[in-house]
Amino acid sequence: MDEGWRLRVLAVAERGARAVAASAVAVPSPRAADGAAAEVVVVVPGADDTAAGRAAEAVLRELQAGLPGHSFAVGRSRVAGAPEELHRAGNEALLAANVAEGDTDRPLLAFDDTGAYRLLLPAMSEDPAELQRFYAETVEPLVAYDDQYETDLVQTVEAFLEADGNVAGTAQRLFTHRHTIRYRLERVRELSGLDMGSTDGREKLSLGLKAMRVLGIAHRGGPATEAGAGGGRVPRR
């Protein structure tokens, strides 16, 4: 994010928050110093969680209206009752925003609504390298493969987990044939070493997907273009 764009996002976000809380302020994320993090922090004074929720909604509306053509994810922390709690609140908001970024149906997410992702907050805050290692051991090979061949292995894993391990249900969700799903799941096993047919394999890949979201790792994927990839089976190189 270049400086001009960052200042523009800051101004728009602050304008949205101040529509609800006049003393709200938007500041660059501490992570912005690395030049890569496209994040801003909005601080809303007060202990009213309902008002904070309205402010977050106003920020998202203002960003979408003021900067059309771009997508945004807004995460909201629990109330920080003292200055020493601001670091915790910032991590909660970041986790919620990262999870929201992976869910196009929920661009605004409160930390309290992140479900099992909340369990990964200590790892994200205290030992992100370990979280990164777990992601690398589970889902990263699938992400790399999807990016290289424009396949949908990660999406297939997500749909399979949502369908409680049912191939037919997964095929319905993805509007594809059951044989295609089986081919893709076999490819997942070959790439990750994890069998989606086993409880252990499903648990590890589910946690790997959560680690990917919490770490804010974007996943592209897309329609397969390489010969054979349409069925999820691409020849090894």
Foldseek 3Di string as FASTA:
>chain_A
DDPVVLVVLQVLLQVQLCVLAVPKHKADDPVCVVVPDSDIDIDHDDQDVVSQVSSQVSSLVSCCVVPPPDAAAWEFEHDDPDPVCVVVRVLLRLQQRLLLVVPVVHSYYYSVPPPPLVVCSCCVVPPLVVLVVLLVLAPVLVLVVLVVFLACLLVLLVLCVVVVNDLVSSCVVVVHDSQLSVLSQVVSCVRNVAHSVDPVSNVSNVSSVSSCSSVSPDGDGHQGDDPPCNSPDDDDD
